[in-house]
N, C-alpha and C. Protein backbone atom coordinates (compact mmCIF):
# COMPACT_ATOMS: atom_id res chain seq x y z
N MET A 1 226.07 69.50 32.73
CA MET A 1 225.65 69.61 31.34
C MET A 1 225.69 68.23 30.69
N LYS A 2 224.67 67.96 29.94
CA LYS A 2 224.59 66.72 29.16
C LYS A 2 224.51 67.13 27.69
N SER A 3 225.12 66.33 26.82
CA SER A 3 225.03 66.63 25.40
C SER A 3 225.06 65.35 24.59
N THR A 4 224.54 65.46 23.39
CA THR A 4 224.54 64.34 22.45
C THR A 4 224.39 64.91 21.05
N ILE A 5 224.54 64.06 20.06
CA ILE A 5 224.29 64.44 18.68
C ILE A 5 223.18 63.56 18.15
N VAL A 6 222.17 64.20 17.56
CA VAL A 6 221.05 63.46 16.98
C VAL A 6 221.05 63.69 15.47
N GLN A 7 220.42 62.79 14.76
CA GLN A 7 220.32 62.91 13.31
C GLN A 7 218.84 63.04 12.95
N VAL A 8 218.54 63.97 12.05
CA VAL A 8 217.15 64.22 11.64
C VAL A 8 216.65 63.04 10.80
N PRO A 9 215.62 62.32 11.29
CA PRO A 9 215.14 61.14 10.58
C PRO A 9 213.97 61.40 9.63
N PHE A 10 213.42 62.61 9.68
CA PHE A 10 212.18 62.89 8.97
C PHE A 10 212.42 63.17 7.49
N LYS A 11 211.62 62.56 6.65
CA LYS A 11 211.76 62.66 5.19
C LYS A 11 211.81 64.12 4.72
N GLU A 12 210.98 64.95 5.32
CA GLU A 12 210.92 66.36 4.93
C GLU A 12 211.79 67.26 5.82
N GLY A 13 212.62 66.66 6.65
CA GLY A 13 213.46 67.44 7.55
C GLY A 13 212.65 67.95 8.74
N LEU A 14 213.18 68.97 9.41
CA LEU A 14 212.47 69.55 10.56
C LEU A 14 211.51 70.63 10.07
N HIS A 15 210.45 70.21 9.41
CA HIS A 15 209.44 71.15 8.93
C HIS A 15 208.46 71.45 10.06
N ALA A 16 207.35 72.13 9.77
CA ALA A 16 206.44 72.65 10.79
C ALA A 16 205.93 71.60 11.78
N ARG A 17 205.47 70.45 11.31
CA ARG A 17 204.88 69.48 12.24
C ARG A 17 205.89 68.93 13.25
N PRO A 18 207.03 68.36 12.82
CA PRO A 18 207.98 67.88 13.83
C PRO A 18 208.58 69.03 14.66
N ALA A 19 208.72 70.20 14.06
CA ALA A 19 209.23 71.35 14.82
C ALA A 19 208.27 71.70 15.95
N SER A 20 206.99 71.67 15.66
CA SER A 20 205.97 71.95 16.67
C SER A 20 206.00 70.90 17.78
N GLU A 21 206.16 69.64 17.39
CA GLU A 21 206.18 68.55 18.37
C GLU A 21 207.40 68.65 19.30
N ILE A 22 208.57 68.90 18.73
CA ILE A 22 209.77 68.96 19.58
C ILE A 22 209.74 70.21 20.46
N THR A 23 209.16 71.29 19.96
CA THR A 23 209.02 72.51 20.77
C THR A 23 208.16 72.22 22.00
N LYS A 24 207.03 71.55 21.79
CA LYS A 24 206.15 71.22 22.92
C LYS A 24 206.85 70.32 23.93
N LEU A 25 207.62 69.36 23.44
CA LEU A 25 208.36 68.47 24.35
C LEU A 25 209.38 69.26 25.17
N CYS A 26 210.14 70.12 24.50
CA CYS A 26 211.19 70.88 25.18
C CYS A 26 210.63 71.86 26.21
N GLN A 27 209.45 72.42 25.93
CA GLN A 27 208.85 73.39 26.84
C GLN A 27 208.43 72.76 28.17
N LYS A 28 208.37 71.45 28.25
CA LYS A 28 207.99 70.77 29.49
C LYS A 28 209.13 70.75 30.51
N PHE A 29 210.33 71.08 30.08
CA PHE A 29 211.49 70.99 30.96
C PHE A 29 211.96 72.37 31.41
N VAL A 30 212.49 72.42 32.65
CA VAL A 30 213.01 73.69 33.17
C VAL A 30 214.46 73.91 32.74
N SER A 31 215.14 72.87 32.35
CA SER A 31 216.53 72.97 31.91
C SER A 31 216.66 73.87 30.68
N ASP A 32 217.83 74.48 30.55
CA ASP A 32 218.15 75.23 29.34
C ASP A 32 218.59 74.22 28.29
N ILE A 33 218.01 74.34 27.10
CA ILE A 33 218.30 73.41 26.01
C ILE A 33 218.78 74.20 24.80
N LYS A 34 219.81 73.70 24.14
CA LYS A 34 220.32 74.32 22.91
C LYS A 34 220.41 73.26 21.83
N PHE A 35 220.04 73.65 20.61
CA PHE A 35 220.29 72.85 19.42
C PHE A 35 221.34 73.61 18.63
N ILE A 36 222.39 72.92 18.20
CA ILE A 36 223.47 73.56 17.45
C ILE A 36 223.67 72.80 16.14
N LYS A 37 223.58 73.53 15.04
CA LYS A 37 223.81 72.95 13.71
C LYS A 37 224.70 73.93 12.95
N ASP A 38 225.84 73.44 12.51
CA ASP A 38 226.83 74.30 11.84
C ASP A 38 227.16 75.46 12.79
N THR A 39 226.89 76.69 12.38
CA THR A 39 227.18 77.84 13.24
C THR A 39 225.93 78.37 13.93
N ALA A 40 224.77 77.78 13.66
CA ALA A 40 223.52 78.23 14.27
C ALA A 40 223.31 77.56 15.62
N GLU A 41 222.96 78.37 16.61
CA GLU A 41 222.67 77.88 17.96
C GLU A 41 221.30 78.43 18.35
N ILE A 42 220.33 77.53 18.59
CA ILE A 42 218.97 78.00 18.85
C ILE A 42 218.40 77.38 20.12
N ASP A 43 217.32 78.00 20.59
CA ASP A 43 216.54 77.49 21.72
C ASP A 43 215.37 76.71 21.14
N PRO A 44 215.32 75.38 21.34
CA PRO A 44 214.26 74.58 20.75
C PRO A 44 212.90 74.76 21.42
N LYS A 45 212.84 75.62 22.43
CA LYS A 45 211.54 75.94 23.04
C LYS A 45 210.81 76.97 22.18
N SER A 46 211.46 77.42 21.12
CA SER A 46 210.89 78.36 20.15
C SER A 46 210.80 77.68 18.79
N ILE A 47 209.59 77.57 18.27
CA ILE A 47 209.40 76.92 16.96
C ILE A 47 210.14 77.69 15.87
N LEU A 48 210.18 79.02 15.97
CA LEU A 48 210.88 79.80 14.95
C LEU A 48 212.37 79.48 14.96
N GLY A 49 212.93 79.28 16.14
CA GLY A 49 214.33 78.90 16.22
C GLY A 49 214.60 77.60 15.50
N ILE A 50 213.74 76.62 15.73
CA ILE A 50 213.91 75.31 15.08
C ILE A 50 213.80 75.44 13.57
N LEU A 51 212.82 76.18 13.11
CA LEU A 51 212.63 76.33 11.66
C LEU A 51 213.80 77.06 11.02
N THR A 52 214.45 77.98 11.74
CA THR A 52 215.59 78.71 11.16
C THR A 52 216.82 77.82 11.00
N LEU A 53 216.85 76.67 11.69
CA LEU A 53 217.98 75.75 11.50
C LEU A 53 218.03 75.23 10.07
N GLY A 54 216.87 75.09 9.44
CA GLY A 54 216.83 74.55 8.08
C GLY A 54 217.37 73.13 8.03
N ALA A 55 217.05 72.33 9.04
CA ALA A 55 217.59 70.97 9.14
C ALA A 55 216.86 70.02 8.19
N SER A 56 217.61 69.36 7.35
CA SER A 56 217.09 68.39 6.39
C SER A 56 217.32 66.97 6.91
N LYS A 57 216.67 66.02 6.26
CA LYS A 57 216.85 64.61 6.64
C LYS A 57 218.34 64.26 6.60
N GLY A 58 218.81 63.61 7.65
CA GLY A 58 220.20 63.20 7.72
C GLY A 58 221.13 64.21 8.37
N ASP A 59 220.68 65.45 8.52
CA ASP A 59 221.52 66.46 9.18
C ASP A 59 221.74 66.09 10.64
N LYS A 60 222.91 66.44 11.15
CA LYS A 60 223.23 66.17 12.55
C LYS A 60 223.08 67.46 13.35
N ILE A 61 222.47 67.32 14.53
CA ILE A 61 222.25 68.44 15.42
C ILE A 61 222.85 68.09 16.78
N GLN A 62 223.68 68.98 17.29
CA GLN A 62 224.22 68.80 18.64
C GLN A 62 223.19 69.34 19.63
N VAL A 63 222.89 68.56 20.65
CA VAL A 63 221.92 68.94 21.68
C VAL A 63 222.67 69.11 23.00
N GLU A 64 222.50 70.27 23.64
CA GLU A 64 223.11 70.52 24.95
C GLU A 64 222.01 70.88 25.93
N VAL A 65 222.03 70.24 27.10
CA VAL A 65 221.01 70.47 28.11
C VAL A 65 221.69 70.73 29.45
N VAL A 66 221.27 71.80 30.13
CA VAL A 66 221.82 72.15 31.43
C VAL A 66 220.67 72.46 32.38
N GLY A 67 220.62 71.76 33.51
CA GLY A 67 219.59 72.06 34.50
C GLY A 67 219.20 70.85 35.31
N GLU A 68 218.24 71.06 36.19
CA GLU A 68 217.88 70.03 37.16
C GLU A 68 217.25 68.79 36.53
N ASP A 69 216.60 68.94 35.38
CA ASP A 69 215.98 67.78 34.72
C ASP A 69 216.67 67.44 33.40
N GLU A 70 217.98 67.73 33.32
CA GLU A 70 218.72 67.57 32.07
C GLU A 70 218.75 66.13 31.57
N GLU A 71 218.87 65.18 32.47
CA GLU A 71 218.93 63.77 32.07
C GLU A 71 217.63 63.34 31.38
N GLU A 72 216.50 63.67 32.01
CA GLU A 72 215.20 63.31 31.43
C GLU A 72 214.97 64.04 30.11
N ALA A 73 215.32 65.33 30.07
CA ALA A 73 215.14 66.11 28.85
C ALA A 73 215.94 65.51 27.69
N LEU A 74 217.18 65.17 27.96
CA LEU A 74 218.03 64.60 26.91
C LEU A 74 217.46 63.26 26.42
N ASN A 75 216.99 62.43 27.34
CA ASN A 75 216.41 61.15 26.95
C ASN A 75 215.18 61.33 26.06
N VAL A 76 214.31 62.28 26.41
CA VAL A 76 213.10 62.53 25.62
C VAL A 76 213.47 63.05 24.23
N ILE A 77 214.44 63.93 24.15
CA ILE A 77 214.87 64.48 22.85
C ILE A 77 215.49 63.39 21.98
N GLU A 78 216.34 62.56 22.58
CA GLU A 78 216.94 61.46 21.81
C GLU A 78 215.87 60.51 21.28
N GLU A 79 214.88 60.21 22.09
CA GLU A 79 213.80 59.32 21.67
C GLU A 79 213.01 59.94 20.51
N PHE A 80 212.78 61.24 20.56
CA PHE A 80 212.04 61.93 19.50
C PHE A 80 212.74 61.77 18.15
N PHE A 81 214.05 61.82 18.15
CA PHE A 81 214.81 61.76 16.90
C PHE A 81 215.13 60.34 16.44
N ARG A 82 214.61 59.33 17.13
CA ARG A 82 214.84 57.93 16.70
C ARG A 82 213.88 57.53 15.63
């Protein structure tokens, strides 16, 4: 398992456009991916899950990745949030 914490850099938070982009990125990986914010734990391969986080600019999200391509998946996710 690999994990990190990312910070939402987008002015409008994780609204529809960035949520759609991160969903498409996550769907490319076979690893199981979780985004955790406060008490919410979601699968970022689902756009509805991401939107339910209600993540605003500056919010921190814990990312956990487990699977054969976990290293690559985590790197791509970290790059997205830079």
